N, C-alpha and C. Protein backbone atom coordinates (compact mmCIF):
# COMPACT_ATOMS: atom_id res chain seq x y z
N MET A 1 36.78 -12.61 -158.76
CA MET A 1 36.25 -13.19 -159.95
C MET A 1 36.98 -14.49 -160.27
N LYS A 2 38.31 -14.49 -160.05
CA LYS A 2 39.10 -15.69 -160.31
C LYS A 2 38.66 -16.83 -159.40
N SER A 3 38.37 -16.51 -158.11
CA SER A 3 37.95 -17.55 -157.17
C SER A 3 36.59 -18.13 -157.56
N ILE A 4 35.71 -17.31 -158.14
CA ILE A 4 34.42 -17.82 -158.59
C ILE A 4 34.62 -18.78 -159.75
N ALA A 5 35.52 -18.43 -160.67
CA ALA A 5 35.81 -19.32 -161.81
C ALA A 5 36.40 -20.63 -161.33
N ILE A 6 37.28 -20.58 -160.34
CA ILE A 6 37.88 -21.80 -159.79
C ILE A 6 36.80 -22.65 -159.13
N LEU A 7 35.89 -22.00 -158.37
CA LEU A 7 34.83 -22.71 -157.70
C LEU A 7 33.91 -23.39 -158.72
N ILE A 8 33.54 -22.68 -159.78
CA ILE A 8 32.69 -23.26 -160.82
C ILE A 8 33.41 -24.41 -161.50
N GLY A 9 34.70 -24.22 -161.80
CA GLY A 9 35.48 -25.28 -162.41
C GLY A 9 35.57 -26.50 -161.53
N SER A 10 35.74 -26.29 -160.24
CA SER A 10 35.80 -27.41 -159.29
C SER A 10 34.48 -28.16 -159.25
N CYS A 11 33.37 -27.41 -159.27
CA CYS A 11 32.06 -28.06 -159.26
C CYS A 11 31.85 -28.89 -160.52
N VAL A 12 32.28 -28.35 -161.67
CA VAL A 12 32.15 -29.09 -162.92
C VAL A 12 33.00 -30.35 -162.86
N LEU A 13 34.23 -30.23 -162.35
CA LEU A 13 35.10 -31.40 -162.25
C LEU A 13 34.51 -32.45 -161.31
N LEU A 14 33.99 -32.00 -160.16
CA LEU A 14 33.41 -32.95 -159.22
C LEU A 14 32.17 -33.61 -159.79
N THR A 15 31.38 -32.86 -160.55
CA THR A 15 30.20 -33.44 -161.17
C THR A 15 30.59 -34.48 -162.20
N GLY A 16 31.65 -34.20 -162.95
CA GLY A 16 32.09 -35.12 -163.99
C GLY A 16 32.78 -36.36 -163.45
N ALA A 17 33.22 -36.32 -162.20
CA ALA A 17 33.94 -37.46 -161.65
C ALA A 17 33.04 -38.66 -161.46
N GLY A 18 31.77 -38.45 -161.16
CA GLY A 18 30.80 -39.52 -161.07
C GLY A 18 31.09 -40.54 -159.99
N THR A 19 31.38 -40.11 -158.81
CA THR A 19 31.65 -41.05 -157.73
C THR A 19 30.38 -41.81 -157.37
N THR A 20 30.54 -43.01 -156.85
CA THR A 20 29.39 -43.82 -156.51
C THR A 20 28.90 -43.56 -155.10
N GLN A 21 29.72 -42.93 -154.26
CA GLN A 21 29.30 -42.62 -152.90
C GLN A 21 29.00 -41.14 -152.79
N THR A 22 28.02 -40.84 -151.97
CA THR A 22 27.70 -39.45 -151.71
C THR A 22 28.55 -38.99 -150.54
N PRO A 23 29.35 -37.92 -150.75
CA PRO A 23 30.19 -37.46 -149.64
C PRO A 23 29.32 -36.90 -148.52
N PRO A 24 29.79 -36.99 -147.27
CA PRO A 24 29.00 -36.44 -146.17
C PRO A 24 28.90 -34.92 -146.31
N ALA A 25 27.79 -34.39 -145.84
CA ALA A 25 27.61 -32.94 -145.87
C ALA A 25 28.67 -32.28 -145.00
N PRO A 26 29.28 -31.18 -145.51
CA PRO A 26 30.31 -30.53 -144.70
C PRO A 26 29.71 -29.95 -143.43
N SER A 27 30.49 -30.01 -142.35
CA SER A 27 29.98 -29.44 -141.10
C SER A 27 30.00 -27.93 -141.21
N LEU A 28 29.02 -27.32 -140.59
CA LEU A 28 28.91 -25.87 -140.63
C LEU A 28 29.66 -25.26 -139.46
N GLN A 29 30.45 -24.26 -139.75
CA GLN A 29 31.16 -23.52 -138.71
C GLN A 29 30.21 -22.44 -138.18
N PRO A 30 30.17 -22.24 -136.88
CA PRO A 30 29.27 -21.20 -136.34
C PRO A 30 29.82 -19.81 -136.62
N THR A 31 28.91 -18.84 -136.69
CA THR A 31 29.36 -17.45 -136.72
C THR A 31 29.97 -17.16 -135.35
N ALA A 32 30.69 -16.07 -135.23
CA ALA A 32 31.32 -15.72 -133.94
C ALA A 32 30.27 -15.57 -132.84
N LEU A 33 29.12 -14.96 -133.18
CA LEU A 33 28.08 -14.77 -132.18
C LEU A 33 27.47 -16.11 -131.77
N GLU A 34 27.26 -17.01 -132.73
CA GLU A 34 26.72 -18.33 -132.39
C GLU A 34 27.70 -19.11 -131.52
N ALA A 35 28.99 -19.04 -131.84
CA ALA A 35 29.99 -19.75 -131.04
C ALA A 35 29.97 -19.24 -129.60
N LEU A 36 29.87 -17.93 -129.43
CA LEU A 36 29.79 -17.36 -128.08
C LEU A 36 28.52 -17.81 -127.38
N ALA A 37 27.39 -17.78 -128.08
CA ALA A 37 26.11 -18.16 -127.48
C ALA A 37 26.10 -19.61 -127.01
N ARG A 38 26.86 -20.47 -127.67
CA ARG A 38 26.87 -21.90 -127.34
C ARG A 38 27.82 -22.25 -126.19
N GLN A 39 28.63 -21.29 -125.75
CA GLN A 39 29.54 -21.56 -124.64
C GLN A 39 28.77 -21.62 -123.33
N SER A 40 29.14 -22.57 -122.49
CA SER A 40 28.40 -22.77 -121.24
C SER A 40 28.50 -21.56 -120.30
N ALA A 41 29.56 -20.78 -120.38
CA ALA A 41 29.73 -19.63 -119.49
C ALA A 41 29.04 -18.37 -120.02
N THR A 42 28.39 -18.48 -121.17
CA THR A 42 27.74 -17.31 -121.77
C THR A 42 26.29 -17.22 -121.32
N HIS A 43 25.85 -16.01 -121.04
CA HIS A 43 24.45 -15.79 -120.71
C HIS A 43 23.94 -14.56 -121.44
N VAL A 44 22.63 -14.48 -121.57
CA VAL A 44 21.99 -13.35 -122.24
C VAL A 44 21.84 -12.22 -121.22
N VAL A 45 22.46 -11.09 -121.51
CA VAL A 45 22.37 -9.92 -120.64
C VAL A 45 21.05 -9.19 -120.91
N TRP A 46 20.66 -9.14 -122.17
CA TRP A 46 19.44 -8.43 -122.56
C TRP A 46 18.98 -8.98 -123.91
N SER A 47 17.67 -9.07 -124.09
CA SER A 47 17.12 -9.48 -125.38
C SER A 47 15.73 -8.90 -125.57
N SER A 48 15.34 -8.77 -126.83
CA SER A 48 14.02 -8.24 -127.14
C SER A 48 13.63 -8.72 -128.54
N GLU A 49 12.41 -9.21 -128.68
CA GLU A 49 11.92 -9.58 -130.00
C GLU A 49 11.69 -8.30 -130.79
N VAL A 50 12.26 -8.24 -132.02
CA VAL A 50 12.12 -7.03 -132.83
C VAL A 50 11.23 -7.23 -134.05
N GLY A 51 10.85 -8.47 -134.32
CA GLY A 51 9.97 -8.69 -135.45
C GLY A 51 9.71 -10.15 -135.74
N ARG A 52 8.66 -10.34 -136.53
CA ARG A 52 8.28 -11.68 -136.98
C ARG A 52 7.94 -11.62 -138.46
N LEU A 53 8.29 -12.68 -139.15
CA LEU A 53 7.87 -12.86 -140.53
C LEU A 53 7.02 -14.13 -140.55
N ASP A 54 5.81 -14.01 -141.01
CA ASP A 54 4.91 -15.16 -141.05
C ASP A 54 4.32 -15.30 -142.44
N SER A 55 4.30 -16.53 -142.93
CA SER A 55 3.68 -16.84 -144.20
C SER A 55 2.97 -18.18 -144.06
N ARG A 56 2.30 -18.60 -145.10
CA ARG A 56 1.61 -19.90 -145.06
C ARG A 56 2.59 -21.06 -145.05
N GLU A 57 3.88 -20.80 -145.37
CA GLU A 57 4.87 -21.87 -145.43
C GLU A 57 5.89 -21.83 -144.31
N SER A 58 6.31 -20.65 -143.89
CA SER A 58 7.41 -20.52 -142.93
C SER A 58 7.16 -19.39 -141.95
N HIS A 59 7.95 -19.43 -140.88
CA HIS A 59 7.88 -18.40 -139.84
C HIS A 59 9.30 -18.05 -139.39
N ALA A 60 9.50 -16.80 -139.03
CA ALA A 60 10.79 -16.36 -138.49
C ALA A 60 10.53 -15.39 -137.34
N ILE A 61 11.29 -15.58 -136.28
CA ILE A 61 11.25 -14.66 -135.14
C ILE A 61 12.64 -14.06 -135.02
N VAL A 62 12.72 -12.74 -135.04
CA VAL A 62 14.00 -12.05 -134.96
C VAL A 62 14.12 -11.43 -133.57
N THR A 63 15.18 -11.81 -132.87
CA THR A 63 15.43 -11.32 -131.51
C THR A 63 16.77 -10.62 -131.47
N VAL A 64 16.78 -9.40 -130.96
CA VAL A 64 18.03 -8.69 -130.74
C VAL A 64 18.52 -9.11 -129.35
N LEU A 65 19.83 -9.32 -129.23
CA LEU A 65 20.35 -9.77 -127.93
C LEU A 65 21.76 -9.27 -127.68
N VAL A 66 22.09 -9.22 -126.40
CA VAL A 66 23.44 -8.90 -125.95
C VAL A 66 23.89 -10.07 -125.08
N LEU A 67 25.06 -10.62 -125.42
CA LEU A 67 25.61 -11.77 -124.71
C LEU A 67 26.85 -11.38 -123.94
N GLU A 68 27.08 -12.11 -122.85
CA GLU A 68 28.27 -11.88 -122.04
C GLU A 68 28.78 -13.23 -121.55
N ASN A 69 30.08 -13.40 -121.61
CA ASN A 69 30.71 -14.61 -121.08
C ASN A 69 31.19 -14.28 -119.68
N SER A 70 30.79 -15.08 -118.67
CA SER A 70 31.16 -14.77 -117.29
C SER A 70 32.66 -14.80 -117.05
N ALA A 71 33.42 -15.45 -117.92
CA ALA A 71 34.88 -15.44 -117.79
C ALA A 71 35.45 -14.09 -118.20
N GLN A 72 34.71 -13.35 -119.03
CA GLN A 72 35.13 -12.01 -119.47
C GLN A 72 33.93 -11.07 -119.33
N PRO A 73 33.54 -10.73 -118.10
CA PRO A 73 32.29 -10.01 -117.86
C PRO A 73 32.20 -8.62 -118.47
N HIS A 74 33.28 -8.02 -118.84
CA HIS A 74 33.21 -6.67 -119.41
C HIS A 74 33.22 -6.70 -120.94
N ASP A 75 33.19 -7.90 -121.50
CA ASP A 75 33.22 -8.06 -122.95
C ASP A 75 31.85 -8.52 -123.42
N ARG A 76 30.98 -7.58 -123.73
CA ARG A 76 29.62 -7.89 -124.18
C ARG A 76 29.57 -7.81 -125.70
N VAL A 77 28.78 -8.72 -126.29
CA VAL A 77 28.66 -8.79 -127.75
C VAL A 77 27.18 -8.79 -128.10
N GLY A 78 26.82 -7.97 -129.09
CA GLY A 78 25.43 -7.87 -129.51
C GLY A 78 25.21 -8.40 -130.91
N GLY A 79 23.95 -8.64 -131.23
CA GLY A 79 23.57 -9.10 -132.56
C GLY A 79 22.13 -9.54 -132.55
N ILE A 80 21.79 -10.39 -133.52
CA ILE A 80 20.43 -10.92 -133.60
C ILE A 80 20.46 -12.44 -133.76
N ARG A 81 19.37 -13.04 -133.31
CA ARG A 81 19.12 -14.46 -133.56
C ARG A 81 17.84 -14.52 -134.38
N ILE A 82 17.88 -15.28 -135.48
CA ILE A 82 16.69 -15.47 -136.30
C ILE A 82 16.28 -16.94 -136.16
N ASP A 83 15.14 -17.17 -135.54
CA ASP A 83 14.60 -18.53 -135.40
C ASP A 83 13.68 -18.81 -136.57
N LEU A 84 14.08 -19.75 -137.41
CA LEU A 84 13.34 -20.10 -138.62
C LEU A 84 12.61 -21.42 -138.42
N SER A 85 11.40 -21.52 -138.94
CA SER A 85 10.68 -22.79 -138.85
C SER A 85 9.69 -22.93 -140.01
N ASN A 86 9.48 -24.18 -140.39
CA ASN A 86 8.41 -24.57 -141.30
C ASN A 86 7.98 -25.96 -140.86
N PRO A 87 7.00 -26.57 -141.48
CA PRO A 87 6.54 -27.88 -141.00
C PRO A 87 7.62 -28.96 -140.98
N ASP A 88 8.66 -28.82 -141.80
CA ASP A 88 9.68 -29.86 -141.91
C ASP A 88 10.99 -29.55 -141.18
N SER A 89 11.27 -28.29 -140.89
CA SER A 89 12.59 -27.92 -140.37
C SER A 89 12.52 -26.77 -139.39
N LYS A 90 13.58 -26.69 -138.59
CA LYS A 90 13.80 -25.55 -137.68
C LYS A 90 15.28 -25.22 -137.73
N ASP A 91 15.60 -23.95 -137.55
CA ASP A 91 16.99 -23.53 -137.50
C ASP A 91 17.05 -22.20 -136.76
N ALA A 92 18.21 -21.87 -136.23
CA ALA A 92 18.45 -20.59 -135.59
C ALA A 92 19.78 -20.05 -136.11
N VAL A 93 19.76 -18.84 -136.61
CA VAL A 93 20.94 -18.21 -137.19
C VAL A 93 21.30 -17.00 -136.34
N TYR A 94 22.59 -16.86 -136.02
CA TYR A 94 23.08 -15.74 -135.23
C TYR A 94 23.92 -14.82 -136.12
N LEU A 95 23.60 -13.53 -136.11
CA LEU A 95 24.37 -12.55 -136.87
C LEU A 95 24.88 -11.49 -135.90
N GLY A 96 26.19 -11.27 -135.92
CA GLY A 96 26.80 -10.28 -135.05
C GLY A 96 26.45 -8.87 -135.46
N GLU A 97 26.50 -7.97 -134.50
CA GLU A 97 26.16 -6.56 -134.72
C GLU A 97 26.96 -5.95 -135.86
N GLU A 98 28.21 -6.38 -136.02
CA GLU A 98 29.08 -5.81 -137.06
C GLU A 98 28.59 -6.13 -138.47
N MET A 99 27.74 -7.13 -138.63
CA MET A 99 27.25 -7.53 -139.95
C MET A 99 25.85 -7.01 -140.26
N LEU A 100 25.16 -6.44 -139.31
CA LEU A 100 23.75 -6.11 -139.50
C LEU A 100 23.52 -5.06 -140.58
N VAL A 101 24.33 -4.02 -140.63
CA VAL A 101 24.15 -2.99 -141.68
C VAL A 101 24.40 -3.61 -143.06
N VAL A 102 25.39 -4.47 -143.15
CA VAL A 102 25.69 -5.12 -144.43
C VAL A 102 24.51 -5.97 -144.88
N TYR A 103 23.94 -6.75 -143.97
CA TYR A 103 22.78 -7.57 -144.32
C TYR A 103 21.58 -6.71 -144.69
N LYS A 104 21.33 -5.65 -143.92
CA LYS A 104 20.21 -4.76 -144.21
C LYS A 104 20.36 -4.16 -145.61
N ASN A 105 21.54 -3.64 -145.91
CA ASN A 105 21.77 -3.04 -147.23
C ASN A 105 21.63 -4.05 -148.36
N SER A 106 22.07 -5.27 -148.13
CA SER A 106 21.97 -6.31 -149.16
C SER A 106 20.52 -6.71 -149.39
N LEU A 107 19.73 -6.80 -148.33
CA LEU A 107 18.31 -7.09 -148.49
C LEU A 107 17.61 -5.96 -149.25
N ASP A 108 18.00 -4.72 -148.96
CA ASP A 108 17.44 -3.57 -149.69
C ASP A 108 17.80 -3.65 -151.17
N GLU A 109 19.04 -4.06 -151.46
CA GLU A 109 19.48 -4.20 -152.85
C GLU A 109 18.64 -5.26 -153.59
N VAL A 110 18.44 -6.39 -152.95
CA VAL A 110 17.62 -7.45 -153.57
C VAL A 110 16.22 -6.91 -153.82
N GLY A 111 15.63 -6.25 -152.85
CA GLY A 111 14.28 -5.70 -153.00
C GLY A 111 14.17 -4.71 -154.14
N ARG A 112 15.19 -3.86 -154.30
CA ARG A 112 15.18 -2.88 -155.40
C ARG A 112 15.26 -3.56 -156.76
N ASN A 113 15.93 -4.71 -156.82
CA ASN A 113 16.13 -5.39 -158.10
C ASN A 113 14.99 -6.32 -158.51
N VAL A 114 14.10 -6.63 -157.59
CA VAL A 114 12.99 -7.56 -157.90
C VAL A 114 12.13 -7.07 -159.06
N PRO A 115 11.62 -5.83 -159.05
CA PRO A 115 10.73 -5.42 -160.14
C PRO A 115 11.37 -5.54 -161.53
N GLY A 116 12.64 -5.22 -161.64
CA GLY A 116 13.32 -5.29 -162.93
C GLY A 116 13.60 -6.71 -163.41
N HIS A 117 13.59 -7.67 -162.51
CA HIS A 117 13.87 -9.06 -162.87
C HIS A 117 12.62 -9.94 -162.94
N ARG A 118 11.51 -9.44 -162.47
CA ARG A 118 10.30 -10.26 -162.37
C ARG A 118 9.88 -10.85 -163.71
N LYS A 119 9.75 -10.03 -164.74
CA LYS A 119 9.27 -10.53 -166.04
C LYS A 119 10.25 -11.54 -166.63
N THR A 120 11.53 -11.23 -166.62
CA THR A 120 12.53 -12.15 -167.17
C THR A 120 12.55 -13.46 -166.39
N ALA A 121 12.51 -13.37 -165.06
CA ALA A 121 12.53 -14.57 -164.23
C ALA A 121 11.31 -15.43 -164.50
N ARG A 122 10.16 -14.82 -164.65
CA ARG A 122 8.93 -15.57 -164.93
C ARG A 122 8.97 -16.17 -166.34
N ASP A 123 9.44 -15.39 -167.33
CA ASP A 123 9.48 -15.88 -168.72
C ASP A 123 10.47 -17.03 -168.89
N ASP A 124 11.59 -16.99 -168.16
CA ASP A 124 12.64 -18.00 -168.30
C ASP A 124 12.48 -19.19 -167.35
N LEU A 125 11.44 -19.20 -166.57
CA LEU A 125 11.25 -20.25 -165.57
C LEU A 125 10.90 -21.58 -166.23
N ALA A 126 11.70 -22.59 -165.93
CA ALA A 126 11.43 -23.93 -166.45
C ALA A 126 10.20 -24.48 -165.73
N PRO A 127 9.43 -25.35 -166.41
CA PRO A 127 8.26 -25.94 -165.75
C PRO A 127 8.67 -26.61 -164.43
N GLY A 128 8.01 -26.22 -163.37
CA GLY A 128 8.32 -26.78 -162.06
C GLY A 128 9.59 -26.24 -161.44
N GLY A 129 10.28 -25.33 -162.11
CA GLY A 129 11.55 -24.80 -161.62
C GLY A 129 11.38 -23.59 -160.73
N THR A 130 12.49 -23.16 -160.17
CA THR A 130 12.52 -21.98 -159.32
C THR A 130 13.73 -21.15 -159.70
N SER A 131 13.55 -19.85 -159.72
CA SER A 131 14.64 -18.92 -160.01
C SER A 131 14.85 -18.05 -158.78
N TYR A 132 16.12 -17.67 -158.52
CA TYR A 132 16.45 -16.89 -157.34
C TYR A 132 17.20 -15.62 -157.72
N LEU A 133 16.89 -14.54 -157.04
CA LEU A 133 17.59 -13.28 -157.19
C LEU A 133 18.20 -12.94 -155.84
N GLY A 134 19.52 -12.78 -155.80
CA GLY A 134 20.18 -12.53 -154.53
C GLY A 134 21.20 -11.41 -154.61
N SER A 135 22.09 -11.38 -153.64
CA SER A 135 23.14 -10.38 -153.54
C SER A 135 24.44 -11.08 -153.18
N GLY A 136 25.55 -10.52 -153.60
CA GLY A 136 26.86 -11.13 -153.38
C GLY A 136 27.20 -11.39 -151.92
N ILE A 137 26.69 -10.58 -151.00
CA ILE A 137 27.03 -10.78 -149.58
C ILE A 137 26.57 -12.15 -149.10
N PHE A 138 25.52 -12.65 -149.68
CA PHE A 138 24.98 -13.92 -149.21
C PHE A 138 25.78 -15.12 -149.69
N TRP A 139 26.77 -14.91 -150.55
CA TRP A 139 27.68 -15.98 -150.93
C TRP A 139 28.55 -16.35 -149.73
N TYR A 140 28.68 -15.43 -148.77
CA TYR A 140 29.46 -15.67 -147.55
C TYR A 140 29.00 -16.97 -146.88
N ALA A 141 27.70 -17.18 -146.91
CA ALA A 141 27.17 -18.38 -146.27
C ALA A 141 27.61 -19.65 -146.98
N ASP A 142 27.94 -19.54 -148.27
CA ASP A 142 28.36 -20.70 -149.03
C ASP A 142 29.89 -20.79 -149.17
N ALA A 143 30.60 -19.94 -148.46
CA ALA A 143 32.06 -19.93 -148.54
C ALA A 143 32.64 -21.18 -147.88
N ARG A 144 33.90 -21.40 -148.11
CA ARG A 144 34.60 -22.51 -147.46
C ARG A 144 35.48 -21.91 -146.38
N PRO A 145 35.53 -22.35 -145.15
CA PRO A 145 34.63 -23.39 -144.64
C PRO A 145 33.19 -22.89 -144.61
N HIS A 146 32.26 -23.82 -144.70
CA HIS A 146 30.86 -23.44 -144.67
C HIS A 146 30.53 -22.82 -143.31
N VAL A 147 29.90 -21.67 -143.37
CA VAL A 147 29.56 -20.94 -142.15
C VAL A 147 28.04 -20.97 -141.98
N HIS A 148 27.59 -21.19 -140.77
CA HIS A 148 26.17 -21.23 -140.47
C HIS A 148 25.65 -19.80 -140.39
N ALA A 149 25.58 -19.16 -141.55
CA ALA A 149 25.16 -17.77 -141.65
C ALA A 149 23.91 -17.68 -142.52
N LEU A 150 23.29 -16.54 -142.52
CA LEU A 150 22.06 -16.34 -143.27
C LEU A 150 22.34 -16.12 -144.75
N SER A 151 21.56 -16.78 -145.58
CA SER A 151 21.56 -16.54 -147.01
C SER A 151 20.13 -16.14 -147.36
N ALA A 152 19.97 -15.03 -148.06
CA ALA A 152 18.63 -14.55 -148.39
C ALA A 152 18.55 -14.25 -149.88
N SER A 153 17.41 -14.51 -150.46
CA SER A 153 17.17 -14.19 -151.85
C SER A 153 15.67 -14.01 -152.06
N TYR A 154 15.32 -13.65 -153.28
CA TYR A 154 13.92 -13.56 -153.66
C TYR A 154 13.70 -14.67 -154.66
N TYR A 155 12.68 -15.49 -154.45
CA TYR A 155 12.46 -16.63 -155.34
C TYR A 155 11.25 -16.38 -156.24
N PHE A 156 11.33 -16.97 -157.43
CA PHE A 156 10.22 -16.97 -158.38
C PHE A 156 9.92 -18.44 -158.69
N ALA A 157 8.72 -18.89 -158.35
CA ALA A 157 8.31 -20.27 -158.60
C ALA A 157 6.99 -20.23 -159.37
N PRO A 158 6.58 -21.34 -159.99
CA PRO A 158 5.32 -21.33 -160.73
C PRO A 158 4.11 -20.96 -159.87
N ASP A 159 4.13 -21.36 -158.59
CA ASP A 159 2.97 -21.14 -157.72
C ASP A 159 3.05 -19.89 -156.85
N SER A 160 4.24 -19.31 -156.71
CA SER A 160 4.38 -18.15 -155.83
C SER A 160 5.73 -17.47 -156.03
N GLU A 161 5.91 -16.38 -155.32
CA GLU A 161 7.20 -15.70 -155.27
C GLU A 161 7.30 -14.99 -153.94
N GLY A 162 8.55 -14.76 -153.49
CA GLY A 162 8.72 -14.06 -152.22
C GLY A 162 10.11 -14.25 -151.65
N LEU A 163 10.26 -13.94 -150.39
CA LEU A 163 11.53 -14.01 -149.69
C LEU A 163 11.91 -15.47 -149.43
N TYR A 164 13.18 -15.79 -149.62
CA TYR A 164 13.68 -17.14 -149.38
C TYR A 164 14.89 -17.03 -148.46
N LEU A 165 14.85 -17.72 -147.33
CA LEU A 165 15.95 -17.70 -146.36
C LEU A 165 16.51 -19.10 -146.20
N ARG A 166 17.81 -19.15 -145.98
CA ARG A 166 18.49 -20.42 -145.80
C ARG A 166 19.68 -20.17 -144.89
N ALA A 167 20.11 -21.20 -144.17
CA ALA A 167 21.24 -21.05 -143.25
C ALA A 167 22.36 -22.01 -143.63
N CYS A 168 22.60 -22.13 -144.93
CA CYS A 168 23.72 -22.92 -145.43
C CYS A 168 23.57 -24.41 -145.14
N ASN A 169 22.38 -24.87 -145.03
CA ASN A 169 22.16 -26.30 -144.92
C ASN A 169 21.07 -26.66 -145.91
N ASP A 170 20.58 -27.86 -145.88
CA ASP A 170 19.60 -28.28 -146.87
C ASP A 170 18.24 -27.63 -146.70
N ALA A 171 17.94 -27.16 -145.51
CA ALA A 171 16.62 -26.59 -145.23
C ALA A 171 16.51 -25.19 -145.80
N GLY A 172 15.42 -24.94 -146.53
CA GLY A 172 15.12 -23.61 -147.03
C GLY A 172 13.77 -23.18 -146.47
N PHE A 173 13.60 -21.88 -146.33
CA PHE A 173 12.38 -21.34 -145.73
C PHE A 173 11.80 -20.30 -146.68
N ARG A 174 10.68 -20.65 -147.32
CA ARG A 174 10.03 -19.76 -148.27
C ARG A 174 8.98 -18.92 -147.55
N PHE A 175 8.94 -17.64 -147.92
CA PHE A 175 7.96 -16.70 -147.38
C PHE A 175 7.21 -16.08 -148.56
N PRO A 176 6.21 -16.80 -149.10
CA PRO A 176 5.47 -16.27 -150.25
C PRO A 176 4.87 -14.91 -149.95
N ASP A 177 4.97 -14.03 -150.94
CA ASP A 177 4.39 -12.69 -150.89
C ASP A 177 5.05 -11.76 -149.88
N LEU A 178 6.14 -12.16 -149.25
CA LEU A 178 6.88 -11.26 -148.37
C LEU A 178 8.06 -10.69 -149.13
N GLU A 179 8.35 -9.44 -148.88
CA GLU A 179 9.43 -8.72 -149.56
C GLU A 179 10.69 -8.70 -148.69
N PRO A 180 11.87 -8.63 -149.31
CA PRO A 180 13.12 -8.49 -148.54
C PRO A 180 13.09 -7.28 -147.61
N SER A 181 12.36 -6.23 -148.00
CA SER A 181 12.30 -5.02 -147.17
C SER A 181 11.70 -5.29 -145.80
N GLN A 182 10.87 -6.34 -145.68
CA GLN A 182 10.28 -6.63 -144.38
C GLN A 182 11.33 -7.15 -143.39
N LEU A 183 12.25 -7.98 -143.86
CA LEU A 183 13.35 -8.42 -143.00
C LEU A 183 14.33 -7.29 -142.77
N SER A 184 14.57 -6.48 -143.81
CA SER A 184 15.47 -5.33 -143.69
C SER A 184 14.98 -4.36 -142.61
N ALA A 185 13.68 -4.09 -142.58
CA ALA A 185 13.12 -3.18 -141.58
C ALA A 185 13.28 -3.75 -140.17
N THR A 186 13.15 -5.06 -140.05
CA THR A 186 13.33 -5.70 -138.75
C THR A 186 14.78 -5.58 -138.28
N ILE A 187 15.72 -5.78 -139.21
CA ILE A 187 17.14 -5.63 -138.87
C ILE A 187 17.44 -4.18 -138.50
N ALA A 188 16.81 -3.23 -139.19
CA ALA A 188 17.00 -1.81 -138.87
C ALA A 188 16.55 -1.52 -137.44
N ARG A 189 15.42 -2.11 -137.02
CA ARG A 189 14.97 -1.93 -135.63
C ARG A 189 15.98 -2.52 -134.65
N ALA A 190 16.56 -3.66 -135.01
CA ALA A 190 17.57 -4.28 -134.14
C ALA A 190 18.79 -3.38 -134.00
N ILE A 191 19.22 -2.77 -135.10
CA ILE A 191 20.38 -1.87 -135.07
C ILE A 191 20.12 -0.70 -134.12
N VAL A 192 18.93 -0.12 -134.21
CA VAL A 192 18.58 1.01 -133.33
C VAL A 192 18.56 0.57 -131.88
N GLN A 193 17.96 -0.59 -131.60
CA GLN A 193 17.89 -1.05 -130.21
C GLN A 193 19.28 -1.34 -129.65
N LEU A 194 20.16 -1.93 -130.47
CA LEU A 194 21.51 -2.21 -130.00
C LEU A 194 22.27 -0.91 -129.73
N SER A 195 22.08 0.09 -130.57
CA SER A 195 22.80 1.35 -130.37
C SER A 195 22.29 2.10 -129.14
N ASN A 196 21.04 1.86 -128.76
CA ASN A 196 20.46 2.53 -127.58
C ASN A 196 20.67 1.75 -126.30
N HIS A 197 21.15 0.52 -126.41
CA HIS A 197 21.26 -0.31 -125.22
C HIS A 197 22.65 -0.23 -124.63
């Protein structure tokens, strides 16, 4: 709680400073699985598409995979890659197997809280504004150093509502009318496939 207060205080101080130059966007640190995937000696031992999320605005393909570095052939690492796209942006997010249950549970939590927040979020929505309902686990993506990890929430906008995904950069991917449970179910399938592989 103290760190959140310090972060908010820092943001207020930085906003009040009024610098004339825009600082460069911080570089994103890869997750451990992404760092391994990007190494030249790493290859995919096994992969399988476990689900797709499609909307009129964005698309996501979720692939479960097992990676191996040829320098350490007995050290295999599993997880998922989520390929996100919309007409303006593309991104790929890697989540290690050790985080999948945490992400699944957090998506379930967001989904359970949507009905109770819908009326308030709609009533308090500023004209042209957007409101988001999320879970604390997704603050990890906004931690320092910035990590190229998945951030998920449910958005309420004047024209639509649904799942909102982001990978800690400026690009956001809206999935109108899709529920967090749809991504949660896909992650659950990935967990089962990894445990059976």
